[in-house]
Amino acid sequence: MALTQTDITKLSKIFATKEDLRKALAPYATKEDLRKALAPYATKEDLEKYLTVDEFRQFKDDVLTGLDKVMGELKKIREEQIFMHNKVYQDHEKRITRLEQTQSLA
């Protein structure tokens, strides 16, 4: 038994056609719409390029250890400057005292 044109017309009124489904689903996002909307956000592959928390902690520790060495050197330099300043000051003190003594004798 073959379908007649009237049977097809009756069936198309009961069941949705491809065109009916396209019209009904038009306001909803498609896979391509979602890809475009989510494009600016990071993917799993993108996130693998960044440091993990443990890697960041190790990096921070390395940086701080390096800074500790630099601060140690800076502290030594400051101590040497204070020492040299005091040495020069004491030398000046001796010279001034000698000059005052020679001036008072003259």
PDB file of N, CA and C in Angstrom:
ATOM      1  N   MET A   1       0.831  -1.171   0.000  1.00  0.00           N
ATOM      2  CA  MET A   1       0.000   0.000   0.000  1.00  0.00           C
ATOM      3  C   MET A   1       0.881   1.241   0.000  1.00  0.00           C
ATOM      4  N   ALA A   2       0.751   2.043  -0.966  1.00  0.00           N
ATOM      5  CA  ALA A   2       1.563   3.236  -1.150  1.00  0.00           C
ATOM      6  C   ALA A   2       0.866   4.448  -0.548  1.00  0.00           C
ATOM      7  N   LEU A   3       1.678   5.417  -0.164  1.00  0.00           N
ATOM      8  CA  LEU A   3       1.125   6.649   0.410  1.00  0.00           C
ATOM      9  C   LEU A   3       0.682   7.579  -0.716  1.00  0.00           C
ATOM     10  N   THR A   4      -0.444   8.176  -0.513  1.00  0.00           N
ATOM     11  CA  THR A   4      -0.932   9.134  -1.510  1.00  0.00           C
ATOM     12  C   THR A   4      -0.560  10.533  -1.056  1.00  0.00           C
ATOM     13  N   GLN A   5      -0.769  11.498  -1.926  1.00  0.00           N
ATOM     14  CA  GLN A   5      -0.453  12.888  -1.611  1.00  0.00           C
ATOM     15  C   GLN A   5      -1.292  13.374  -0.442  1.00  0.00           C
ATOM     16  N   THR A   6      -2.520  12.990  -0.325  1.00  0.00           N
ATOM     17  CA  THR A   6      -3.356  13.391   0.811  1.00  0.00           C
ATOM     18  C   THR A   6      -2.833  12.779   2.103  1.00  0.00           C
ATOM     19  N   ASP A   7      -2.315  11.551   2.042  1.00  0.00           N
ATOM     20  CA  ASP A   7      -1.716  10.936   3.239  1.00  0.00           C
ATOM     21  C   ASP A   7      -0.492  11.740   3.689  1.00  0.00           C
ATOM     22  N   ILE A   8       0.313  12.136   2.737  1.00  0.00           N
ATOM     23  CA  ILE A   8       1.529  12.914   3.054  1.00  0.00           C
ATOM     24  C   ILE A   8       1.143  14.265   3.637  1.00  0.00           C
ATOM     25  N   THR A   9       0.124  14.901   3.091  1.00  0.00           N
ATOM     26  CA  THR A   9      -0.339  16.187   3.595  1.00  0.00           C
ATOM     27  C   THR A   9      -0.841  16.043   5.022  1.00  0.00           C
ATOM     28  N   LYS A  10      -1.627  14.996   5.294  1.00  0.00           N
ATOM     29  CA  LYS A  10      -2.137  14.756   6.646  1.00  0.00           C
ATOM     30  C   LYS A  10      -0.984  14.497   7.613  1.00  0.00           C
ATOM     31  N   LEU A  11       0.003  13.700   7.175  1.00  0.00           N
ATOM     32  CA  LEU A  11       1.156  13.392   8.043  1.00  0.00           C
ATOM     33  C   LEU A  11       1.997  14.636   8.319  1.00  0.00           C
ATOM     34  N   SER A  12       2.148  15.498   7.322  1.00  0.00           N
ATOM     35  CA  SER A  12       2.946  16.708   7.524  1.00  0.00           C
ATOM     36  C   SER A  12       2.264  17.675   8.475  1.00  0.00           C
ATOM     37  N   LYS A  13       0.935  17.593   8.596  1.00  0.00           N
ATOM     38  CA  LYS A  13       0.229  18.424   9.564  1.00  0.00           C
ATOM     39  C   LYS A  13       0.401  17.878  10.980  1.00  0.00           C
ATOM     40  N   ILE A  14       0.582  16.573  11.101  1.00  0.00           N
ATOM     41  CA  ILE A  14       0.708  15.939  12.413  1.00  0.00           C
ATOM     42  C   ILE A  14       2.161  15.989  12.916  1.00  0.00           C
ATOM     43  N   PHE A  15       3.103  15.629  12.037  1.00  0.00           N
ATOM     44  CA  PHE A  15       4.515  15.567  12.416  1.00  0.00           C
ATOM     45  C   PHE A  15       5.255  16.816  11.940  1.00  0.00           C
ATOM     46  N   ALA A  16       6.304  17.148  12.640  1.00  0.00           N
ATOM     47  CA  ALA A  16       7.108  18.312  12.276  1.00  0.00           C
ATOM     48  C   ALA A  16       8.029  17.962  11.111  1.00  0.00           C
ATOM     49  N   THR A  17       8.150  18.886  10.199  1.00  0.00           N
ATOM     50  CA  THR A  17       9.082  18.714   9.082  1.00  0.00           C
ATOM     51  C   THR A  17      10.418  19.329   9.469  1.00  0.00           C
ATOM     52  N   LYS A  18      11.439  19.140   8.618  1.00  0.00           N
ATOM     53  CA  LYS A  18      12.750  19.738   8.880  1.00  0.00           C
ATOM     54  C   LYS A  18      12.640  21.258   8.970  1.00  0.00           C
ATOM     55  N   GLU A  19      11.864  21.829   8.096  1.00  0.00           N
ATOM     56  CA  GLU A  19      11.680  23.275   8.085  1.00  0.00           C
ATOM     57  C   GLU A  19      10.993  23.746   9.371  1.00  0.00           C
ATOM     58  N   ASP A  20      10.001  22.998   9.828  1.00  0.00           N
ATOM     59  CA  ASP A  20       9.326  23.334  11.091  1.00  0.00           C
ATOM     60  C   ASP A  20      10.315  23.295  12.252  1.00  0.00           C
ATOM     61  N   LEU A  21      11.179  22.278  12.268  1.00  0.00           N
ATOM     62  CA  LEU A  21      12.175  22.164  13.345  1.00  0.00           C
ATOM     63  C   LEU A  21      13.191  23.299  13.284  1.00  0.00           C
ATOM     64  N   ARG A  22      13.633  23.667  12.082  1.00  0.00           N
ATOM     65  CA  ARG A  22      14.592  24.785  11.946  1.00  0.00           C
ATOM     66  C   ARG A  22      13.993  26.067  12.497  1.00  0.00           C
ATOM     67  N   LYS A  23      12.724  26.333  12.162  1.00  0.00           N
ATOM     68  CA  LYS A  23      12.059  27.544  12.645  1.00  0.00           C
ATOM     69  C   LYS A  23      11.901  27.507  14.166  1.00  0.00           C
ATOM     70  N   ALA A  24      11.526  26.345  14.689  1.00  0.00           N
ATOM     71  CA  ALA A  24      11.294  26.219  16.130  1.00  0.00           C
ATOM     72  C   ALA A  24      12.594  26.337  16.926  1.00  0.00           C
ATOM     73  N   LEU A  25      13.697  25.840  16.359  1.00  0.00           N
ATOM     74  CA  LEU A  25      14.975  25.849  17.080  1.00  0.00           C
ATOM     75  C   LEU A  25      15.830  27.076  16.773  1.00  0.00           C
ATOM     76  N   ALA A  26      15.389  27.953  15.922  1.00  0.00           N
ATOM     77  CA  ALA A  26      16.163  29.129  15.523  1.00  0.00           C
ATOM     78  C   ALA A  26      16.591  30.009  16.705  1.00  0.00           C
ATOM     79  N   PRO A  27      15.749  30.240  17.726  1.00  0.00           N
ATOM     80  CA  PRO A  27      16.186  31.113  18.827  1.00  0.00           C
ATOM     81  C   PRO A  27      17.238  30.470  19.738  1.00  0.00           C
ATOM     82  N   TYR A  28      17.463  29.175  19.604  1.00  0.00           N
ATOM     83  CA  TYR A  28      18.417  28.490  20.487  1.00  0.00           C
ATOM     84  C   TYR A  28      19.806  28.464  19.857  1.00  0.00           C
ATOM     85  N   ALA A  29      20.816  28.420  20.707  1.00  0.00           N
ATOM     86  CA  ALA A  29      22.204  28.447  20.247  1.00  0.00           C
ATOM     87  C   ALA A  29      22.577  27.129  19.587  1.00  0.00           C
ATOM     88  N   THR A  30      23.358  27.256  18.528  1.00  0.00           N
ATOM     89  CA  THR A  30      23.880  26.063  17.852  1.00  0.00           C
ATOM     90  C   THR A  30      25.286  25.796  18.364  1.00  0.00           C
ATOM     91  N   LYS A  31      25.852  24.698  17.947  1.00  0.00           N
ATOM     92  CA  LYS A  31      27.203  24.345  18.342  1.00  0.00           C
ATOM     93  C   LYS A  31      28.181  25.440  17.891  1.00  0.00           C
ATOM     94  N   GLU A  32      27.986  25.943  16.702  1.00  0.00           N
ATOM     95  CA  GLU A  32      28.853  27.003  16.168  1.00  0.00           C
ATOM     96  C   GLU A  32      28.688  28.296  16.970  1.00  0.00           C
ATOM     97  N   ASP A  33      27.464  28.615  17.359  1.00  0.00           N
ATOM     98  CA  ASP A  33      27.234  29.807  18.191  1.00  0.00           C
ATOM     99  C   ASP A  33      27.987  29.696  19.513  1.00  0.00           C
ATOM    100  N   LEU A  34      27.945  28.521  20.121  1.00  0.00           N
ATOM    101  CA  LEU A  34      28.645  28.308  21.383  1.00  0.00           C
ATOM    102  C   LEU A  34      30.156  28.409  21.202  1.00  0.00           C
ATOM    103  N   ARG A  35      30.680  27.875  20.115  1.00  0.00           N
ATOM    104  CA  ARG A  35      32.123  27.976  19.853  1.00  0.00           C
ATOM    105  C   ARG A  35      32.548  29.442  19.752  1.00  0.00           C
ATOM    106  N   LYS A  36      31.756  30.237  19.024  1.00  0.00           N
ATOM    107  CA  LYS A  36      32.082  31.651  18.882  1.00  0.00           C
ATOM    108  C   LYS A  36      31.992  32.382  20.218  1.00  0.00           C
ATOM    109  N   ALA A  37      30.964  32.066  20.997  1.00  0.00           N
ATOM    110  CA  ALA A  37      30.759  32.748  22.280  1.00  0.00           C
ATOM    111  C   ALA A  37      31.850  32.383  23.290  1.00  0.00           C
ATOM    112  N   LEU A  38      32.329  31.147  23.231  1.00  0.00           N
ATOM    113  CA  LEU A  38      33.315  30.688  24.212  1.00  0.00           C
ATOM    114  C   LEU A  38      34.753  30.865  23.739  1.00  0.00           C
ATOM    115  N   ALA A  39      34.950  31.351  22.539  1.00  0.00           N
ATOM    116  CA  ALA A  39      36.297  31.502  21.980  1.00  0.00           C
ATOM    117  C   ALA A  39      37.228  32.346  22.849  1.00  0.00           C
ATOM    118  N   PRO A  40      36.761  33.437  23.465  1.00  0.00           N
ATOM    119  CA  PRO A  40      37.702  34.249  24.272  1.00  0.00           C
ATOM    120  C   PRO A  40      38.160  33.580  25.568  1.00  0.00           C
ATOM    121  N   TYR A  41      37.509  32.538  25.987  1.00  0.00           N
ATOM    122  CA  TYR A  41      37.851  31.895  27.259  1.00  0.00           C
ATOM    123  C   TYR A  41      38.904  30.814  27.059  1.00  0.00           C
ATOM    124  N   ALA A  42      39.646  30.557  28.115  1.00  0.00           N
ATOM    125  CA  ALA A  42      40.745  29.591  28.053  1.00  0.00           C
ATOM    126  C   ALA A  42      40.217  28.167  27.936  1.00  0.00           C
ATOM    127  N   THR A  43      40.947  27.380  27.170  1.00  0.00           N
ATOM    128  CA  THR A  43      40.640  25.953  27.035  1.00  0.00           C
ATOM    129  C   THR A  43      41.602  25.176  27.929  1.00  0.00           C
ATOM    130  N   LYS A  44      41.435  23.877  28.001  1.00  0.00           N
ATOM    131  CA  LYS A  44      42.352  23.047  28.788  1.00  0.00           C
ATOM    132  C   LYS A  44      43.772  23.194  28.274  1.00  0.00           C
ATOM    133  N   GLU A  45      43.921  23.227  26.954  1.00  0.00           N
ATOM    134  CA  GLU A  45      45.251  23.369  26.358  1.00  0.00           C
ATOM    135  C   GLU A  45      45.874  24.711  26.738  1.00  0.00           C
ATOM    136  N   ASP A  46      45.051  25.757  26.761  1.00  0.00           N
ATOM    137  CA  ASP A  46      45.551  27.075  27.152  1.00  0.00           C
ATOM    138  C   ASP A  46      46.026  27.062  28.602  1.00  0.00           C
ATOM    139  N   LEU A  47      45.274  26.414  29.460  1.00  0.00           N
ATOM    140  CA  LEU A  47      45.610  26.402  30.884  1.00  0.00           C
ATOM    141  C   LEU A  47      46.883  25.617  31.173  1.00  0.00           C
ATOM    142  N   GLU A  48      47.216  24.667  30.312  1.00  0.00           N
ATOM    143  CA  GLU A  48      48.446  23.893  30.510  1.00  0.00           C
ATOM    144  C   GLU A  48      49.687  24.746  30.308  1.00  0.00           C
ATOM    145  N   LYS A  49      49.552  25.881  29.630  1.00  0.00           N
ATOM    146  CA  LYS A  49      50.686  26.770  29.386  1.00  0.00           C
ATOM    147  C   LYS A  49      51.066  27.549  30.632  1.00  0.00           C
ATOM    148  N   TYR A  50      50.153  27.671  31.578  1.00  0.00           N
ATOM    149  CA  TYR A  50      50.395  28.472  32.774  1.00  0.00           C
ATOM    150  C   TYR A  50      50.981  27.623  33.890  1.00  0.00           C
ATOM    151  N   LEU A  51      51.571  28.303  34.864  1.00  0.00           N
ATOM    152  CA  LEU A  51      52.167  27.628  36.007  1.00  0.00           C
ATOM    153  C   LEU A  51      51.100  27.026  36.913  1.00  0.00           C
ATOM    154  N   THR A  52      51.437  25.902  37.483  1.00  0.00           N
ATOM    155  CA  THR A  52      50.565  25.340  38.512  1.00  0.00           C
ATOM    156  C   THR A  52      50.914  26.024  39.836  1.00  0.00           C
ATOM    157  N   VAL A  53      50.127  25.769  40.843  1.00  0.00           N
ATOM    158  CA  VAL A  53      50.371  26.386  42.152  1.00  0.00           C
ATOM    159  C   VAL A  53      51.737  25.948  42.687  1.00  0.00           C
ATOM    160  N   ASP A  54      52.061  24.676  42.555  1.00  0.00           N
ATOM    161  CA  ASP A  54      53.355  24.188  43.056  1.00  0.00           C
ATOM    162  C   ASP A  54      54.520  24.804  42.278  1.00  0.00           C
ATOM    163  N   GLU A  55      54.364  24.916  40.963  1.00  0.00           N
ATOM    164  CA  GLU A  55      55.422  25.534  40.154  1.00  0.00           C
ATOM    165  C   GLU A  55      55.603  26.997  40.538  1.00  0.00           C
ATOM    166  N   PHE A  56      54.495  27.689  40.798  1.00  0.00           N
ATOM    167  CA  PHE A  56      54.581  29.087  41.201  1.00  0.00           C
ATOM    168  C   PHE A  56      55.256  29.217  42.558  1.00  0.00           C
ATOM    169  N   ARG A  57      54.922  28.336  43.478  1.00  0.00           N
ATOM    170  CA  ARG A  57      55.553  28.388  44.805  1.00  0.00           C
ATOM    171  C   ARG A  57      57.062  28.174  44.689  1.00  0.00           C
ATOM    172  N   GLN A  58      57.468  27.220  43.837  1.00  0.00           N
ATOM    173  CA  GLN A  58      58.888  26.965  43.638  1.00  0.00           C
ATOM    174  C   GLN A  58      59.569  28.189  43.036  1.00  0.00           C
ATOM    175  N   PHE A  59      58.916  28.809  42.059  1.00  0.00           N
ATOM    176  CA  PHE A  59      59.455  30.023  41.440  1.00  0.00           C
ATOM    177  C   PHE A  59      59.604  31.131  42.474  1.00  0.00           C
ATOM    178  N   LYS A  60      58.565  31.311  43.302  1.00  0.00           N
ATOM    179  CA  LYS A  60      58.593  32.341  44.349  1.00  0.00           C
ATOM    180  C   LYS A  60      59.736  32.067  45.321  1.00  0.00           C
ATOM    181  N   ASP A  61      59.904  30.797  45.718  1.00  0.00           N
ATOM    182  CA  ASP A  61      60.994  30.445  46.632  1.00  0.00           C
ATOM    183  C   ASP A  61      62.355  30.759  46.013  1.00  0.00           C
ATOM    184  N   ASP A  62      62.516  30.448  44.727  1.00  0.00           N
ATOM    185  CA  ASP A  62      63.779  30.729  44.045  1.00  0.00           C
ATOM    186  C   ASP A  62      64.054  32.228  44.004  1.00  0.00           C
ATOM    187  N   VAL A  63      63.023  33.012  43.710  1.00  0.00           N
ATOM    188  CA  VAL A  63      63.184  34.469  43.648  1.00  0.00           C
ATOM    189  C   VAL A  63      63.545  35.020  45.028  1.00  0.00           C
ATOM    190  N   LEU A  64      62.838  34.577  46.042  1.00  0.00           N
ATOM    191  CA  LEU A  64      63.105  35.084  47.395  1.00  0.00           C
ATOM    192  C   LEU A  64      64.483  34.664  47.884  1.00  0.00           C
ATOM    193  N   THR A  65      64.924  33.461  47.519  1.00  0.00           N
ATOM    194  CA  THR A  65      66.265  33.015  47.894  1.00  0.00           C
ATOM    195  C   THR A  65      67.308  33.912  47.231  1.00  0.00           C
ATOM    196  N   GLY A  66      67.086  34.225  45.963  1.00  0.00           N
ATOM    197  CA  GLY A  66      67.993  35.137  45.266  1.00  0.00           C
ATOM    198  C   GLY A  66      68.000  36.510  45.903  1.00  0.00           C
ATOM    199  N   LEU A  67      66.829  36.995  46.306  1.00  0.00           N
ATOM    200  CA  LEU A  67      66.744  38.307  46.968  1.00  0.00           C
ATOM    201  C   LEU A  67      67.447  38.288  48.323  1.00  0.00           C
ATOM    202  N   ASP A  68      67.383  37.158  49.024  1.00  0.00           N
ATOM    203  CA  ASP A  68      68.088  37.051  50.303  1.00  0.00           C
ATOM    204  C   ASP A  68      69.587  37.255  50.095  1.00  0.00           C
ATOM    205  N   LYS A  69      70.123  36.659  49.022  1.00  0.00           N
ATOM    206  CA  LYS A  69      71.553  36.822  48.733  1.00  0.00           C
ATOM    207  C   LYS A  69      71.873  38.281  48.430  1.00  0.00           C
ATOM    208  N   VAL A  70      71.037  38.910  47.641  1.00  0.00           N
ATOM    209  CA  VAL A  70      71.244  40.322  47.286  1.00  0.00           C
ATOM    210  C   VAL A  70      71.168  41.196  48.538  1.00  0.00           C
ATOM    211  N   MET A  71      70.182  40.938  49.390  1.00  0.00           N
ATOM    212  CA  MET A  71      70.045  41.733  50.614  1.00  0.00           C
ATOM    213  C   MET A  71      71.241  41.526  51.539  1.00  0.00           C
ATOM    214  N   GLY A  72      71.783  40.307  51.571  1.00  0.00           N
ATOM    215  CA  GLY A  72      72.979  40.047  52.375  1.00  0.00           C
ATOM    216  C   GLY A  72      74.158  40.875  51.887  1.00  0.00           C
ATOM    217  N   GLU A  73      74.324  40.924  50.567  1.00  0.00           N
ATOM    218  CA  GLU A  73      75.401  41.736  49.989  1.00  0.00           C
ATOM    219  C   GLU A  73      75.174  43.217  50.281  1.00  0.00           C
ATOM    220  N   LEU A  74      73.955  43.666  50.163  1.00  0.00           N
ATOM    221  CA  LEU A  74      73.637  45.071  50.444  1.00  0.00           C
ATOM    222  C   LEU A  74      73.944  45.413  51.900  1.00  0.00           C
ATOM    223  N   LYS A  75      73.629  44.507  52.793  1.00  0.00           N
ATOM    224  CA  LYS A  75      73.907  44.728  54.220  1.00  0.00           C
ATOM    225  C   LYS A  75      75.417  44.846  54.449  1.00  0.00           C
ATOM    226  N   LYS A  76      76.195  43.977  53.780  1.00  0.00           N
ATOM    227  CA  LYS A  76      77.657  44.048  53.916  1.00  0.00           C
ATOM    228  C   LYS A  76      78.185  45.395  53.413  1.00  0.00           C
ATOM    229  N   ILE A  77      77.665  45.844  52.277  1.00  0.00           N
ATOM    230  CA  ILE A  77      78.101  47.118  51.708  1.00  0.00           C
ATOM    231  C   ILE A  77      77.790  48.266  52.661  1.00  0.00           C
ATOM    232  N   ARG A  78      76.601  48.262  53.242  1.00  0.00           N
ATOM    233  CA  ARG A  78      76.239  49.321  54.197  1.00  0.00           C
ATOM    234  C   ARG A  78      77.144  49.306  55.429  1.00  0.00           C
ATOM    235  N   GLU A  79      77.442  48.088  55.918  1.00  0.00           N
ATOM    236  CA  GLU A  79      78.321  47.987  57.082  1.00  0.00           C
ATOM    237  C   GLU A  79      79.713  48.514  56.748  1.00  0.00           C
ATOM    238  N   GLU A  80      80.185  48.194  55.531  1.00  0.00           N
ATOM    239  CA  GLU A  80      81.499  48.687  55.120  1.00  0.00           C
ATOM    240  C   GLU A  80      81.482  50.207  55.004  1.00  0.00           C
ATOM    241  N   GLN A  81      80.389  50.771  54.500  1.00  0.00           N
ATOM    242  CA  GLN A  81      80.303  52.227  54.386  1.00  0.00           C
ATOM    243  C   GLN A  81      80.330  52.878  55.764  1.00  0.00           C
ATOM    244  N   ILE A  82      79.614  52.301  56.706  1.00  0.00           N
ATOM    245  CA  ILE A  82      79.596  52.848  58.075  1.00  0.00           C
ATOM    246  C   ILE A  82      80.996  52.768  58.671  1.00  0.00           C
ATOM    247  N   PHE A  83      81.650  51.626  58.462  1.00  0.00           N
ATOM    248  CA  PHE A  83      83.005  51.447  58.982  1.00  0.00           C
ATOM    249  C   PHE A  83      83.955  52.474  58.364  1.00  0.00           C
ATOM    250  N   MET A  84      83.886  52.627  57.032  1.00  0.00           N
ATOM    251  CA  MET A  84      84.766  53.570  56.353  1.00  0.00           C
ATOM    252  C   MET A  84      84.455  55.013  56.784  1.00  0.00           C
ATOM    253  N   HIS A  85      83.187  55.328  56.969  1.00  0.00           N
ATOM    254  CA  HIS A  85      82.808  56.666  57.411  1.00  0.00           C
ATOM    255  C   HIS A  85      83.394  56.945  58.789  1.00  0.00           C
ATOM    256  N   ASN A  86      83.276  55.974  59.686  1.00  0.00           N
ATOM    257  CA  ASN A  86      83.824  56.163  61.037  1.00  0.00           C
ATOM    258  C   ASN A  86      85.342  56.297  60.988  1.00  0.00           C
ATOM    259  N   LYS A  87      85.981  55.515  60.125  1.00  0.00           N
ATOM    260  CA  LYS A  87      87.439  55.570  60.011  1.00  0.00           C
ATOM    261  C   LYS A  87      87.870  56.953  59.504  1.00  0.00           C
ATOM    262  N   VAL A  88      87.184  57.452  58.488  1.00  0.00           N
ATOM    263  CA  VAL A  88      87.504  58.774  57.945  1.00  0.00           C
ATOM    264  C   VAL A  88      87.224  59.839  59.001  1.00  0.00           C
ATOM    265  N   TYR A  89      86.125  59.706  59.713  1.00  0.00           N
ATOM    266  CA  TYR A  89      85.770  60.672  60.753  1.00  0.00           C
ATOM    267  C   TYR A  89      86.841  60.704  61.836  1.00  0.00           C
ATOM    268  N   GLN A  90      87.309  59.522  62.270  1.00  0.00           N
ATOM    269  CA  GLN A  90      88.350  59.459  63.294  1.00  0.00           C
ATOM    270  C   GLN A  90      89.648  60.068  62.768  1.00  0.00           C
ATOM    271  N   ASP A  91      89.948  59.825  61.490  1.00  0.00           N
ATOM    272  CA  ASP A  91      91.151  60.404  60.893  1.00  0.00           C
ATOM    273  C   ASP A  91      91.042  61.926  60.871  1.00  0.00           C
ATOM    274  N   HIS A  92      89.900  62.440  60.527  1.00  0.00           N
ATOM    275  CA  HIS A  92      89.677  63.891  60.523  1.00  0.00           C
ATOM    276  C   HIS A  92      89.815  64.450  61.934  1.00  0.00           C
ATOM    277  N   GLU A  93      89.288  63.731  62.880  1.00  0.00           N
ATOM    278  CA  GLU A  93      89.343  64.161  64.276  1.00  0.00           C
ATOM    279  C   GLU A  93      90.801  64.339  64.705  1.00  0.00           C
ATOM    280  N   LYS A  94      91.648  63.372  64.353  1.00  0.00           N
ATOM    281  CA  LYS A  94      93.071  63.462  64.713  1.00  0.00           C
ATOM    282  C   LYS A  94      93.725  64.666  64.038  1.00  0.00           C
ATOM    283  N   ARG A  95      93.414  64.854  62.763  1.00  0.00           N
ATOM    284  CA  ARG A  95      94.021  65.954  62.010  1.00  0.00           C
ATOM    285  C   ARG A  95      93.564  67.304  62.547  1.00  0.00           C
ATOM    286  N   ILE A  96      92.289  67.412  62.885  1.00  0.00           N
ATOM    287  CA  ILE A  96      91.770  68.674  63.434  1.00  0.00           C
ATOM    288  C   ILE A  96      92.425  68.968  64.771  1.00  0.00           C
ATOM    289  N   THR A  97      92.558  67.936  65.592  1.00  0.00           N
ATOM    290  CA  THR A  97      93.192  68.121  66.910  1.00  0.00           C
ATOM    291  C   THR A  97      94.629  68.599  66.731  1.00  0.00           C
ATOM    292  N   ARG A  98      95.381  67.993  65.785  1.00  0.00           N
ATOM    293  CA  ARG A  98      96.768  68.408  65.517  1.00  0.00           C
ATOM    294  C   ARG A  98      96.818  69.847  65.028  1.00  0.00           C
ATOM    295  N   LEU A  99      95.874  70.200  64.144  1.00  0.00           N
ATOM    296  CA  LEU A  99      95.844  71.570  63.617  1.00  0.00           C
ATOM    297  C   LEU A  99      95.540  72.580  64.736  1.00  0.00           C
ATOM    298  N   GLU A 100      94.630  72.238  65.593  1.00  0.00           N
ATOM    299  CA  GLU A 100      94.284  73.147  66.714  1.00  0.00           C
ATOM    300  C   GLU A 100      95.477  73.319  67.641  1.00  0.00           C
ATOM    301  N   GLN A 101      96.212  72.206  67.872  1.00  0.00           N
ATOM    302  CA  GLN A 101      97.374  72.286  68.756  1.00  0.00           C
ATOM    303  C   GLN A 101      98.472  73.170  68.127  1.00  0.00           C
ATOM    304  N   THR A 102      98.695  72.991  66.838  1.00  0.00           N
ATOM    305  CA  THR A 102      99.733  73.795  66.183  1.00  0.00           C
ATOM    306  C   THR A 102      99.314  75.251  66.128  1.00  0.00           C
ATOM    307  N   GLN A 103      98.039  75.541  65.988  1.00  0.00           N
ATOM    308  CA  GLN A 103      97.556  76.916  65.942  1.00  0.00           C
ATOM    309  C   GLN A 103      97.688  77.575  67.326  1.00  0.00           C
ATOM    310  N   SER A 104      97.443  76.796  68.354  1.00  0.00           N
ATOM    311  CA  SER A 104      97.528  77.365  69.699  1.00  0.00           C
ATOM    312  C   SER A 104      98.992  77.605  70.094  1.00  0.00           C
ATOM    313  N   LEU A 105      99.924  76.843  69.520  1.00  0.00           N
ATOM    314  CA  LEU A 105     101.343  77.034  69.809  1.00  0.00           C
ATOM    315  C   LEU A 105     101.883  78.244  69.074  1.00  0.00           C
ATOM    316  N   ALA A 106     101.317  78.581  67.981  1.00  0.00           N
ATOM    317  CA  ALA A 106     101.867  79.673  67.170  1.00  0.00           C
ATOM    318  C   ALA A 106     101.451  81.006  67.643  1.00  0.00           C
TER     319      ALA A 106
END
